[in-house]
Amino acid sequence: MTSLQHLLLPTLRLRAPPPCSTGAAVSYLRFYSVAQDLSRIKNDPNAIATNKTSLNDNRTQTLRGLGHDLYPRFVPDTTAKTWSTRSFLDRFVSLAHNETPDIPQAALADMKGHPHRTKRGQLSLLVTELPRLLSPCLHELPIGLQDPETRIRNRHVDFQVNDRAAQILRFRSLITFRIREYLQVKGYLEVQTPIMANLAGGAVARPFQTQAVEFPNRHIELRTAPELWLKRLVLGGFERIFEIGPCFRNEGIDKIHNPEFTTCEFYNAYANLDYLTDVTERLISELVTYTNQLTLRQLPSLSTCNFSIHKPFPRVDFFENLQRLMNAQLPNLKSPNAEAEIIQQFHDNGIPLPESPTLPKLLDRLASKYLEPSCQQPTWIMNHPECLAPLAKSFTDQNTKQRVSARAELFIGGKEVVNTYEEENSPFEQRRKFEEQVKYRNDDNRADIDEDYLKALEWGLPPTGGWGCGIDRLVMLLSGTDRINDVLPFGNLRNVVSLGKGGRDVLVSP
């Protein structure tokens, strides 16, 4: 062991230095240690690691600027920072058995040692071997990225320099895990259902179409929702099931919509709306509490949730509240003139008509203009028009005399978070609703009569409660994020498609 090695061993420590003040290049150290020792030391300030075995730990560590210290320092967590390559070369270029890059750029290196705590209680590493170069980095890491297009086109850099971007991605994983755990504890079985089929089904939306080599003369559609597959499993005797997975709708892109998105749906035999709303309120309350704990301990770049989780959440009736906010009476929706009368109300109130103004689209536009913005705190909208939920049970509301669905939709911050239904289980009623839905068919609504699903219903679907939540939008809500791009690892579909077509490179200071 050389004198230089003797000098390094007691002084290479895990401490948080001041950040680099210059555009330093990047170098990572991979922290090799005993994971069990690290866990024990973290939980017991008086513990000192004595295990002399060096094992690969999954903890990727980083170096901040060296400042005026003689030796590099790094931080015992998952956040990645910078270390000047010039400093790396100055310290280690003469070490035996170490490769060095030919150009003064960043380097990926590993280091081995034993974890322990310093006298000040900081996690530290006593190295047993000197750094070994693993890979060069040919670019300098910018101090920060601000331009949205540059960030989204260079996410591999964005995650290194913007803590919030990286923490949102970790937050999404933790929230998804928490939802899965919540359902599994309650006895729900996780399943995976087909993404491609001859008919998308399950939602009023325009599907993506593709072809398979096996069926050259047939179009195959990507699912818009897993609903019909999951209800077939309930028919098969699986009374509590859920799925977390991707869905695809060939529709527009905006701040809260992306054609590819992730949903969680569960179905519970013999569950009604009261059960579904209670489960939802408990889950949302748990997630808000969990989020606030994460922001205080692990993810400081995120903000705490600022909406009330006092249960039970308020409930408002779709028709009664909409008529109050519009200061107008809606016609009987079963009337043959209902669509024309509502269009006239649009004109009277100066509201632009949606494209292809069918009755469901007109009602949906009124809800988005009047009802949804009024639901800033957690609020349930109940008793939607029957035509807006063709897969749900329906009945005649005694107060409004309208045909309404057994549906409850949770809004927070003016945005839909959860949808719940009592599922239609009569094959006769379901056929009628499919036929009614076909009347509104257009480019955006490729509705068709799913004969295969109707045949499945003939085998007796038990009374079933259905629940759906968009994971992307839920993560946006809990993390205080306004754009869906920020909760997707590589942004929306427009960003992903444009990645290979040239664009803004990362600019760094000379």
Protein backbone atom coordinates (compact mmCIF):
# COMPACT_ATOMS: atom_id res chain seq x y z
CA MET A 1 0.00 0.00 0.00
CA THR A 2 1.48 3.33 -1.06
CA SER A 3 1.71 6.42 1.10
CA LEU A 4 -0.96 8.01 -1.08
CA GLN A 5 -3.28 5.14 -0.31
CA HIS A 6 -2.54 5.49 3.38
CA LEU A 7 -3.40 9.14 3.08
CA LEU A 8 -6.70 8.52 1.31
CA LEU A 9 -8.14 5.83 3.51
CA PRO A 10 -9.09 7.88 6.58
CA THR A 11 -10.13 11.01 4.74
CA LEU A 12 -12.55 9.94 1.98
CA ARG A 13 -15.90 10.52 3.64
CA LEU A 14 -19.60 10.83 2.92
CA ARG A 15 -20.41 14.46 3.63
CA ALA A 16 -22.63 17.03 1.92
CA PRO A 17 -20.35 19.73 0.47
CA PRO A 18 -21.38 23.09 -1.00
CA PRO A 19 -22.51 22.81 -4.63
CA CYS A 20 -20.14 23.52 -7.52
CA SER A 21 -20.02 27.17 -8.49
CA THR A 22 -18.68 26.40 -11.98
CA GLY A 23 -19.84 24.23 -14.84
CA ALA A 24 -17.98 21.18 -13.61
CA ALA A 25 -18.14 17.94 -15.51
CA VAL A 26 -19.77 14.89 -14.05
CA SER A 27 -18.34 11.87 -12.36
CA TYR A 28 -20.23 9.26 -10.38
CA LEU A 29 -18.99 6.93 -7.71
CA ARG A 30 -20.75 3.66 -7.22
CA PHE A 31 -20.92 2.97 -3.54
CA TYR A 32 -19.91 -0.62 -2.74
CA SER A 33 -20.83 -1.60 0.79
CA VAL A 34 -22.86 -3.99 2.88
CA ALA A 35 -26.52 -3.07 2.57
CA GLN A 36 -27.45 -4.56 5.92
CA ASP A 37 -24.74 -2.53 7.64
CA LEU A 38 -25.99 0.64 5.99
CA SER A 39 -29.53 -0.02 7.15
CA ARG A 40 -28.38 -0.74 10.69
CA ILE A 41 -26.19 2.33 10.84
CA LYS A 42 -28.94 4.54 9.50
CA ASN A 43 -31.35 3.40 12.20
CA ASP A 44 -28.82 3.32 15.05
CA PRO A 45 -26.62 6.45 15.36
CA ASN A 46 -24.31 4.62 17.79
CA ALA A 47 -23.71 1.64 15.53
CA ILE A 48 -20.38 1.17 13.79
CA ALA A 49 -20.02 -1.29 10.91
CA THR A 50 -17.54 -4.05 11.57
CA ASN A 51 -18.30 -6.36 8.66
CA LYS A 52 -15.23 -6.40 6.45
CA THR A 53 -16.97 -7.79 3.38
CA SER A 54 -17.42 -5.49 0.39
CA LEU A 55 -20.59 -6.25 -1.59
CA ASN A 56 -22.27 -4.48 -4.45
CA ASP A 57 -25.00 -2.22 -3.06
CA ASN A 58 -27.61 -0.77 -5.37
CA ARG A 59 -26.96 2.71 -4.04
CA THR A 60 -25.55 4.93 -6.79
CA GLN A 61 -23.78 7.79 -5.07
CA THR A 62 -22.57 11.08 -6.42
CA LEU A 63 -20.03 13.74 -5.86
CA ARG A 64 -20.58 17.42 -5.54
CA GLY A 65 -17.80 19.93 -6.19
CA LEU A 66 -14.61 19.42 -4.31
CA GLY A 67 -14.36 23.01 -3.13
CA HIS A 68 -11.18 23.52 -1.06
CA ASP A 69 -11.11 20.01 0.38
CA LEU A 70 -8.16 17.79 -0.39
CA TYR A 71 -10.25 14.71 -1.22
CA PRO A 72 -13.64 14.11 -2.88
CA ARG A 73 -16.83 13.76 -0.86
CA PHE A 74 -20.14 12.18 -1.76
CA VAL A 75 -23.68 11.82 -0.41
CA PRO A 76 -25.33 8.57 0.83
CA ASP A 77 -28.60 8.85 -1.07
CA THR A 78 -29.96 8.39 -4.61
CA THR A 79 -29.62 11.95 -5.85
CA ALA A 80 -27.00 12.42 -8.57
CA LYS A 81 -24.70 15.47 -8.54
CA THR A 82 -21.42 16.57 -10.06
CA TRP A 83 -17.72 16.15 -9.53
CA SER A 84 -15.05 17.93 -11.53
CA THR A 85 -13.20 15.59 -13.87
CA ARG A 86 -10.16 17.83 -13.66
CA SER A 87 -10.11 17.20 -9.92
CA PHE A 88 -10.57 13.50 -10.53
CA LEU A 89 -7.60 13.43 -12.88
CA ASP A 90 -5.49 15.59 -10.58
CA ARG A 91 -6.05 13.19 -7.71
CA PHE A 92 -5.95 9.82 -9.45
CA VAL A 93 -4.21 10.06 -12.82
CA SER A 94 -1.02 8.59 -11.42
CA LEU A 95 -2.65 5.65 -9.64
CA ALA A 96 -1.59 2.21 -10.80
CA HIS A 97 -4.13 0.00 -12.58
CA ASN A 98 -6.47 2.94 -13.26
CA GLU A 99 -7.48 3.89 -16.76
CA THR A 100 -7.93 7.58 -17.49
CA PRO A 101 -9.75 9.32 -20.37
CA ASP A 102 -7.69 11.07 -23.02
CA ILE A 103 -9.87 14.18 -22.83
CA PRO A 104 -10.74 16.19 -19.70
CA GLN A 105 -14.35 15.08 -19.47
CA ALA A 106 -16.39 13.41 -16.77
CA ALA A 107 -15.84 9.85 -15.67
CA LEU A 108 -17.81 7.05 -14.08
CA ALA A 109 -15.84 5.42 -11.30
CA ASP A 110 -16.36 2.90 -8.55
CA MET A 111 -15.03 2.79 -5.02
CA LYS A 112 -15.03 0.06 -2.40
CA GLY A 113 -15.12 0.34 1.35
CA HIS A 114 -16.93 -0.17 4.63
CA PRO A 115 -19.77 2.06 5.86
CA HIS A 116 -19.60 3.78 9.22
CA ARG A 117 -20.62 6.98 10.98
CA THR A 118 -18.36 9.94 11.63
CA LYS A 119 -18.13 11.63 15.02
CA ARG A 120 -20.72 14.11 13.77
CA GLY A 121 -23.13 11.28 12.97
CA GLN A 122 -22.76 11.46 9.20
CA LEU A 123 -22.75 8.32 7.09
CA SER A 124 -19.25 7.74 5.81
CA LEU A 125 -17.23 5.27 3.78
CA LEU A 126 -13.79 3.95 4.71
CA VAL A 127 -12.33 2.96 1.36
CA THR A 128 -10.35 -0.23 0.93
CA GLU A 129 -9.49 0.32 -2.74
CA LEU A 130 -8.81 3.43 -4.74
CA PRO A 131 -11.23 4.65 -7.43
CA ARG A 132 -11.35 2.71 -10.71
CA LEU A 133 -12.58 4.33 -13.90
CA LEU A 134 -15.58 2.54 -15.41
CA SER A 135 -16.75 4.83 -18.18
CA PRO A 136 -15.97 8.29 -19.55
CA CYS A 137 -18.61 10.98 -20.00
CA LEU A 138 -18.00 13.10 -23.10
CA HIS A 139 -20.09 16.13 -22.12
CA GLU A 140 -20.11 18.63 -19.34
CA LEU A 141 -23.21 18.63 -17.20
CA PRO A 142 -25.06 21.96 -17.32
CA ILE A 143 -25.71 23.79 -14.08
CA GLY A 144 -29.43 23.72 -14.86
CA LEU A 145 -31.96 23.16 -17.62
CA GLN A 146 -34.87 25.59 -17.89
CA ASP A 147 -36.15 25.40 -21.46
CA PRO A 148 -39.09 22.90 -21.48
CA GLU A 149 -38.29 21.52 -24.94
CA THR A 150 -34.61 21.00 -24.14
CA ARG A 151 -35.54 19.29 -20.88
CA ILE A 152 -38.07 16.90 -22.34
CA ARG A 153 -35.82 15.97 -25.27
CA ASN A 154 -32.89 15.27 -22.95
CA ARG A 155 -34.53 13.59 -19.98
CA HIS A 156 -31.36 11.63 -19.22
CA VAL A 157 -29.70 14.97 -18.48
CA ASP A 158 -32.78 16.62 -16.98
CA PHE A 159 -33.06 13.96 -14.29
CA GLN A 160 -29.43 14.60 -13.27
CA VAL A 161 -29.67 18.37 -12.89
CA ASN A 162 -33.29 18.89 -11.81
CA ASP A 163 -34.07 17.27 -8.48
CA ARG A 164 -37.80 17.85 -8.84
CA ALA A 165 -37.99 15.98 -12.17
CA ALA A 166 -36.23 12.95 -10.71
CA GLN A 167 -38.24 13.04 -7.50
CA ILE A 168 -41.55 13.11 -9.37
CA LEU A 169 -40.57 9.90 -11.16
CA ARG A 170 -39.68 8.24 -7.85
CA PHE A 171 -42.89 9.58 -6.35
CA ARG A 172 -44.94 8.01 -9.14
CA SER A 173 -43.39 4.62 -8.42
CA LEU A 174 -44.07 4.92 -4.69
CA ILE A 175 -47.71 5.96 -5.21
CA THR A 176 -48.34 3.11 -7.66
CA PHE A 177 -46.82 0.65 -5.19
CA ARG A 178 -48.99 2.06 -2.39
CA ILE A 179 -52.20 1.66 -4.42
CA ARG A 180 -51.26 -1.91 -5.34
CA GLU A 181 -50.50 -2.70 -1.71
CA TYR A 182 -53.78 -1.13 -0.53
CA LEU A 183 -55.83 -3.34 -2.88
CA GLN A 184 -53.88 -6.53 -2.22
CA VAL A 185 -54.31 -6.14 1.53
CA LYS A 186 -58.07 -5.97 0.92
CA GLY A 187 -57.95 -9.26 -0.95
CA TYR A 188 -57.96 -8.07 -4.58
CA LEU A 189 -56.19 -10.27 -7.10
CA GLU A 190 -53.97 -8.47 -9.61
CA VAL A 191 -54.43 -9.62 -13.21
CA GLN A 192 -53.27 -8.65 -16.69
CA THR A 193 -55.77 -8.51 -19.53
CA PRO A 194 -55.22 -8.20 -23.31
CA ILE A 195 -54.07 -4.87 -24.75
CA MET A 196 -54.88 -5.84 -28.37
CA ALA A 197 -58.17 -7.29 -29.57
CA ASN A 198 -60.54 -7.16 -32.53
CA LEU A 199 -62.66 -4.56 -30.69
CA ALA A 200 -61.34 -2.07 -28.11
CA GLY A 201 -64.54 -1.71 -26.04
CA GLY A 202 -64.93 -0.42 -22.49
CA ALA A 203 -64.98 3.33 -23.22
CA VAL A 204 -66.50 5.84 -25.62
CA ALA A 205 -63.26 6.81 -27.39
CA ARG A 206 -61.47 6.55 -30.72
CA PRO A 207 -59.11 3.54 -30.60
CA PHE A 208 -55.72 3.04 -32.20
CA GLN A 209 -55.70 0.41 -34.93
CA THR A 210 -52.88 -1.85 -36.03
CA GLN A 211 -52.35 -5.14 -37.85
CA ALA A 212 -50.74 -8.44 -36.97
CA VAL A 213 -48.80 -10.68 -39.32
CA GLU A 214 -50.98 -13.56 -38.18
CA PHE A 215 -54.17 -11.78 -39.32
CA PRO A 216 -53.17 -9.74 -42.41
CA ASN A 217 -56.76 -8.96 -43.45
CA ARG A 218 -58.04 -7.80 -40.09
CA HIS A 219 -57.61 -4.65 -38.07
CA ILE A 220 -56.67 -5.03 -34.43
CA GLU A 221 -57.47 -2.31 -31.89
CA LEU A 222 -55.53 -1.27 -28.80
CA ARG A 223 -57.70 -1.22 -25.73
CA THR A 224 -59.22 2.02 -24.55
CA ALA A 225 -60.02 0.48 -21.14
CA PRO A 226 -59.66 -2.98 -19.54
CA GLU A 227 -63.23 -2.92 -18.20
CA LEU A 228 -64.93 -5.60 -20.29
CA TRP A 229 -62.08 -8.06 -19.81
CA LEU A 230 -62.12 -7.57 -16.06
CA LYS A 231 -65.87 -8.07 -15.83
CA ARG A 232 -65.48 -11.33 -17.74
CA LEU A 233 -63.15 -12.45 -14.96
CA VAL A 234 -65.78 -11.54 -12.36
CA LEU A 235 -68.16 -13.71 -14.36
CA GLY A 236 -65.55 -16.48 -14.07
CA GLY A 237 -65.68 -16.38 -10.28
CA PHE A 238 -62.92 -13.90 -9.40
CA GLU A 239 -64.93 -11.66 -7.11
CA ARG A 240 -62.18 -9.12 -6.32
CA ILE A 241 -59.73 -8.24 -9.08
CA PHE A 242 -57.70 -5.24 -10.23
CA GLU A 243 -55.32 -4.23 -12.98
CA ILE A 244 -52.76 -1.43 -13.28
CA GLY A 245 -51.68 -0.97 -16.87
CA PRO A 246 -51.62 1.12 -20.05
CA CYS A 247 -54.59 2.24 -22.15
CA PHE A 248 -54.65 4.00 -25.52
CA ARG A 249 -57.08 6.54 -26.98
CA ASN A 250 -56.46 8.11 -30.36
CA GLU A 251 -57.41 11.59 -29.24
CA GLY A 252 -55.81 15.00 -28.65
CA ILE A 253 -52.91 16.02 -26.44
CA ASP A 254 -53.07 18.79 -23.87
CA LYS A 255 -51.81 19.56 -20.38
CA ILE A 256 -53.81 16.75 -18.75
CA HIS A 257 -54.37 14.29 -21.63
CA ASN A 258 -52.03 11.93 -23.46
CA PRO A 259 -53.07 9.21 -25.95
CA GLU A 260 -51.11 6.66 -23.91
CA PHE A 261 -51.89 6.64 -20.21
CA THR A 262 -51.96 4.36 -17.18
CA THR A 263 -55.07 3.38 -15.25
CA CYS A 264 -55.95 1.33 -12.20
CA GLU A 265 -59.31 -0.44 -12.30
CA PHE A 266 -60.79 -2.80 -9.76
CA TYR A 267 -64.05 -4.75 -9.71
CA ASN A 268 -65.79 -6.12 -6.67
CA ALA A 269 -68.75 -8.49 -6.79
CA TYR A 270 -71.69 -7.45 -4.57
CA ALA A 271 -70.29 -3.94 -3.99
CA ASN A 272 -72.49 -0.85 -4.37
CA LEU A 273 -71.71 2.86 -4.73
CA ASP A 274 -71.64 3.44 -0.98
CA TYR A 275 -68.89 0.84 -0.60
CA LEU A 276 -66.94 2.21 -3.58
CA THR A 277 -67.04 5.81 -2.38
CA ASP A 278 -66.00 4.75 1.13
CA VAL A 279 -63.03 2.74 -0.20
CA THR A 280 -62.04 5.68 -2.40
CA GLU A 281 -62.14 8.21 0.42
CA ARG A 282 -60.02 5.98 2.64
CA LEU A 283 -57.49 5.42 -0.15
CA ILE A 284 -57.23 9.11 -1.08
CA SER A 285 -56.81 10.05 2.58
CA GLU A 286 -54.02 7.48 2.98
CA LEU A 287 -52.28 8.68 -0.18
CA VAL A 288 -52.42 12.32 0.91
CA THR A 289 -50.96 11.47 4.33
CA TYR A 290 -48.29 9.32 2.67
CA THR A 291 -47.46 12.11 0.20
CA ASN A 292 -46.99 14.64 2.98
CA GLN A 293 -44.66 12.24 4.79
CA LEU A 294 -42.60 11.72 1.63
CA THR A 295 -42.24 15.45 0.99
CA LEU A 296 -40.92 15.97 4.51
CA ARG A 297 -38.50 13.05 4.56
CA GLN A 298 -37.51 11.76 1.13
CA LEU A 299 -38.73 14.09 -1.63
CA PRO A 300 -38.25 17.67 -0.45
CA SER A 301 -38.60 19.14 -3.97
CA LEU A 302 -42.32 18.24 -3.95
CA SER A 303 -44.95 20.25 -2.11
CA THR A 304 -47.43 18.94 0.42
CA CYS A 305 -51.07 18.44 -0.54
CA ASN A 306 -53.23 21.44 0.32
CA PHE A 307 -56.75 20.08 -0.11
CA SER A 308 -59.07 18.79 2.59
CA ILE A 309 -59.42 15.05 3.19
CA HIS A 310 -62.19 15.36 5.75
CA LYS A 311 -64.57 12.42 5.23
CA PRO A 312 -67.20 11.97 3.94
CA PHE A 313 -66.55 14.05 0.82
CA PRO A 314 -69.46 16.28 -0.28
CA ARG A 315 -71.88 14.90 -2.91
CA VAL A 316 -73.70 16.89 -5.58
CA ASP A 317 -76.38 15.76 -8.01
CA PHE A 318 -75.48 16.17 -11.70
CA PHE A 319 -78.82 17.57 -12.89
CA GLU A 320 -79.77 19.63 -9.85
CA ASN A 321 -76.37 21.30 -9.51
CA LEU A 322 -75.95 21.89 -13.26
CA GLN A 323 -79.39 23.54 -13.53
CA ARG A 324 -78.61 25.72 -10.51
CA LEU A 325 -75.28 26.88 -11.95
CA MET A 326 -76.77 27.46 -15.42
CA ASN A 327 -79.87 29.10 -14.00
CA ALA A 328 -81.84 27.12 -16.57
CA GLN A 329 -83.94 23.96 -16.75
CA LEU A 330 -82.67 21.04 -18.82
CA PRO A 331 -85.20 19.24 -21.04
CA ASN A 332 -86.22 15.64 -20.49
CA LEU A 333 -83.32 13.81 -22.15
CA LYS A 334 -85.63 11.06 -23.46
CA SER A 335 -87.55 13.65 -25.44
CA PRO A 336 -86.90 13.53 -29.23
CA ASN A 337 -86.20 17.29 -29.12
CA ALA A 338 -83.75 17.13 -26.21
CA GLU A 339 -80.63 17.58 -28.33
CA ALA A 340 -82.05 20.57 -30.23
CA GLU A 341 -83.20 22.25 -27.01
CA ILE A 342 -79.78 21.89 -25.39
CA ILE A 343 -78.09 23.28 -28.51
CA GLN A 344 -80.37 26.30 -28.19
CA GLN A 345 -79.25 26.71 -24.58
CA PHE A 346 -75.65 26.73 -25.83
CA HIS A 347 -76.52 29.58 -28.20
CA ASP A 348 -78.42 31.47 -25.50
CA ASN A 349 -75.44 31.30 -23.13
CA GLY A 350 -72.78 32.00 -25.77
CA ILE A 351 -71.11 28.60 -25.30
CA PRO A 352 -69.21 27.22 -28.32
CA LEU A 353 -70.60 23.92 -29.57
CA PRO A 354 -68.32 20.86 -29.50
CA GLU A 355 -67.47 19.13 -32.75
CA SER A 356 -70.16 16.61 -33.71
CA PRO A 357 -72.58 17.93 -31.06
CA THR A 358 -74.31 14.72 -29.98
CA LEU A 359 -76.34 14.63 -26.80
CA PRO A 360 -73.55 12.98 -24.72
CA LYS A 361 -70.94 15.48 -25.96
CA LEU A 362 -73.24 18.43 -25.22
CA LEU A 363 -73.86 17.25 -21.67
CA ASP A 364 -70.18 16.54 -21.14
CA ARG A 365 -69.29 20.06 -22.31
CA LEU A 366 -71.83 21.60 -19.90
CA ALA A 367 -70.39 19.55 -17.04
CA SER A 368 -66.83 20.64 -17.85
CA LYS A 369 -67.91 24.31 -17.98
CA TYR A 370 -70.16 24.51 -14.93
CA LEU A 371 -69.87 21.47 -12.67
CA GLU A 372 -66.22 20.49 -12.69
CA PRO A 373 -64.65 23.91 -11.91
CA SER A 374 -66.85 24.16 -8.81
CA CYS A 375 -65.28 20.99 -7.36
CA GLN A 376 -61.97 22.31 -6.02
CA GLN A 377 -62.08 20.38 -2.76
CA PRO A 378 -62.79 16.60 -3.02
CA THR A 379 -66.39 16.34 -4.28
CA TRP A 380 -68.52 13.53 -5.68
CA ILE A 381 -70.73 14.22 -8.70
CA MET A 382 -73.60 11.72 -8.64
CA ASN A 383 -76.42 10.55 -10.90
CA HIS A 384 -75.00 11.31 -14.34
CA PRO A 385 -77.28 11.09 -17.39
CA GLU A 386 -77.75 7.52 -18.57
CA CYS A 387 -76.19 8.28 -21.98
CA LEU A 388 -72.89 9.24 -20.32
CA ALA A 389 -72.41 5.81 -18.69
CA PRO A 390 -73.73 3.07 -21.00
CA LEU A 391 -72.02 0.28 -19.05
CA ALA A 392 -73.56 1.25 -15.69
CA LYS A 393 -76.92 0.43 -14.17
CA SER A 394 -79.52 3.17 -14.51
CA PHE A 395 -82.80 4.27 -12.95
CA THR A 396 -85.28 7.15 -12.99
CA ASP A 397 -84.38 9.80 -10.43
CA GLN A 398 -87.46 10.74 -8.41
CA ASN A 399 -86.42 14.39 -7.99
CA THR A 400 -85.45 15.30 -11.57
CA LYS A 401 -87.52 12.61 -13.38
CA GLN A 402 -84.47 11.99 -15.58
CA ARG A 403 -82.90 8.63 -16.45
CA VAL A 404 -79.62 8.59 -14.55
CA SER A 405 -76.78 6.12 -14.08
CA ALA A 406 -75.57 4.53 -10.85
CA ARG A 407 -72.28 6.41 -11.11
CA ALA A 408 -70.17 8.60 -8.82
CA GLU A 409 -67.26 10.66 -10.11
CA LEU A 410 -64.70 12.19 -7.73
CA PHE A 411 -63.26 15.60 -8.63
CA ILE A 412 -60.40 17.38 -6.86
CA GLY A 413 -59.01 20.68 -8.02
CA GLY A 414 -61.61 20.77 -10.79
CA LYS A 415 -60.26 17.56 -12.37
CA GLU A 416 -61.63 14.04 -12.47
CA VAL A 417 -59.68 11.66 -10.24
CA VAL A 418 -61.87 8.56 -9.76
CA ASN A 419 -64.87 7.04 -11.53
CA THR A 420 -67.10 4.47 -9.82
CA TYR A 421 -70.10 2.53 -11.12
CA GLU A 422 -72.62 -0.12 -10.28
CA GLU A 423 -72.12 -2.23 -13.38
CA GLU A 424 -74.98 -3.15 -15.71
CA ASN A 425 -75.43 -6.92 -15.45
CA SER A 426 -78.61 -7.43 -17.47
CA PRO A 427 -77.82 -8.60 -21.03
CA PHE A 428 -81.13 -7.11 -22.21
CA GLU A 429 -80.52 -3.67 -20.71
CA GLN A 430 -76.91 -3.73 -21.85
CA ARG A 431 -78.00 -4.45 -25.43
CA ARG A 432 -80.44 -1.54 -25.29
CA LYS A 433 -77.70 0.79 -24.07
CA PHE A 434 -75.27 -0.42 -26.74
CA GLU A 435 -77.92 0.28 -29.38
CA GLU A 436 -78.54 3.72 -27.93
CA GLN A 437 -74.79 4.41 -27.95
CA VAL A 438 -74.52 3.44 -31.63
CA LYS A 439 -76.93 6.28 -32.46
CA TYR A 440 -74.24 8.75 -31.40
CA ARG A 441 -71.51 7.08 -33.46
CA ASN A 442 -69.07 9.43 -35.21
CA ASP A 443 -65.32 9.79 -35.78
CA ASP A 444 -64.69 10.29 -32.06
CA ASN A 445 -67.14 7.62 -30.97
CA ARG A 446 -66.59 4.29 -32.73
CA ALA A 447 -69.25 2.64 -30.60
CA ASP A 448 -70.43 -0.79 -31.68
CA ILE A 449 -72.50 -3.60 -30.23
CA ASP A 450 -70.13 -6.03 -28.55
CA GLU A 451 -71.97 -9.30 -29.15
CA ASP A 452 -69.25 -11.34 -27.47
CA TYR A 453 -69.60 -9.38 -24.23
CA LEU A 454 -73.41 -9.67 -24.37
CA LYS A 455 -73.09 -13.45 -24.68
CA ALA A 456 -70.79 -13.45 -21.64
CA LEU A 457 -73.41 -11.52 -19.63
CA GLU A 458 -75.91 -14.30 -20.33
CA TRP A 459 -73.94 -16.45 -17.88
CA GLY A 460 -74.90 -14.22 -14.96
CA LEU A 461 -72.66 -11.34 -13.84
CA PRO A 462 -73.26 -10.83 -10.11
CA PRO A 463 -74.08 -7.30 -8.94
CA THR A 464 -70.67 -5.67 -9.29
CA GLY A 465 -69.06 -2.38 -8.36
CA GLY A 466 -66.42 -0.98 -10.73
CA TRP A 467 -63.72 1.59 -9.95
CA GLY A 468 -61.26 3.42 -12.20
CA CYS A 469 -58.47 5.93 -11.59
CA GLY A 470 -55.94 7.51 -13.94
CA ILE A 471 -52.52 7.04 -12.36
CA ASP A 472 -50.95 9.90 -14.32
CA ARG A 473 -53.58 12.42 -13.21
CA LEU A 474 -53.50 11.18 -9.61
CA VAL A 475 -49.72 11.64 -9.48
CA MET A 476 -50.15 15.13 -10.96
CA LEU A 477 -52.64 16.00 -8.24
CA LEU A 478 -50.59 14.66 -5.33
CA SER A 479 -47.27 16.09 -6.55
CA GLY A 480 -48.69 19.52 -7.36
CA THR A 481 -47.80 19.16 -11.05
CA ASP A 482 -49.77 21.00 -13.74
CA ARG A 483 -48.58 19.11 -16.83
CA ILE A 484 -48.92 15.43 -17.59
CA ASN A 485 -45.51 15.62 -19.33
CA ASP A 486 -43.85 15.97 -15.94
CA VAL A 487 -45.19 12.69 -14.55
CA LEU A 488 -44.28 10.66 -17.66
CA PRO A 489 -40.63 9.54 -17.89
CA PHE A 490 -40.26 10.80 -21.48
CA GLY A 491 -43.16 13.22 -21.82
CA ASN A 492 -46.29 12.92 -23.93
CA LEU A 493 -46.71 11.25 -27.30
CA ARG A 494 -45.67 14.38 -29.20
CA ASN A 495 -42.37 14.46 -27.29
CA VAL A 496 -41.71 10.76 -27.80
CA VAL A 497 -42.46 10.80 -31.54
CA SER A 498 -40.23 13.84 -32.12
CA LEU A 499 -37.18 12.43 -30.29
CA GLY A 500 -35.48 11.16 -33.43
CA LYS A 501 -36.23 14.17 -35.62
CA GLY A 502 -33.65 16.62 -34.38
CA GLY A 503 -34.18 19.43 -31.94
CA ARG A 504 -32.49 21.43 -29.25
CA ASP A 505 -29.31 19.99 -27.82
CA VAL A 506 -28.25 20.56 -24.26
CA LEU A 507 -26.31 23.82 -24.04
CA VAL A 508 -23.61 24.16 -21.42
CA SER A 509 -21.41 26.98 -20.32
CA PRO A 510 -17.90 26.90 -21.81
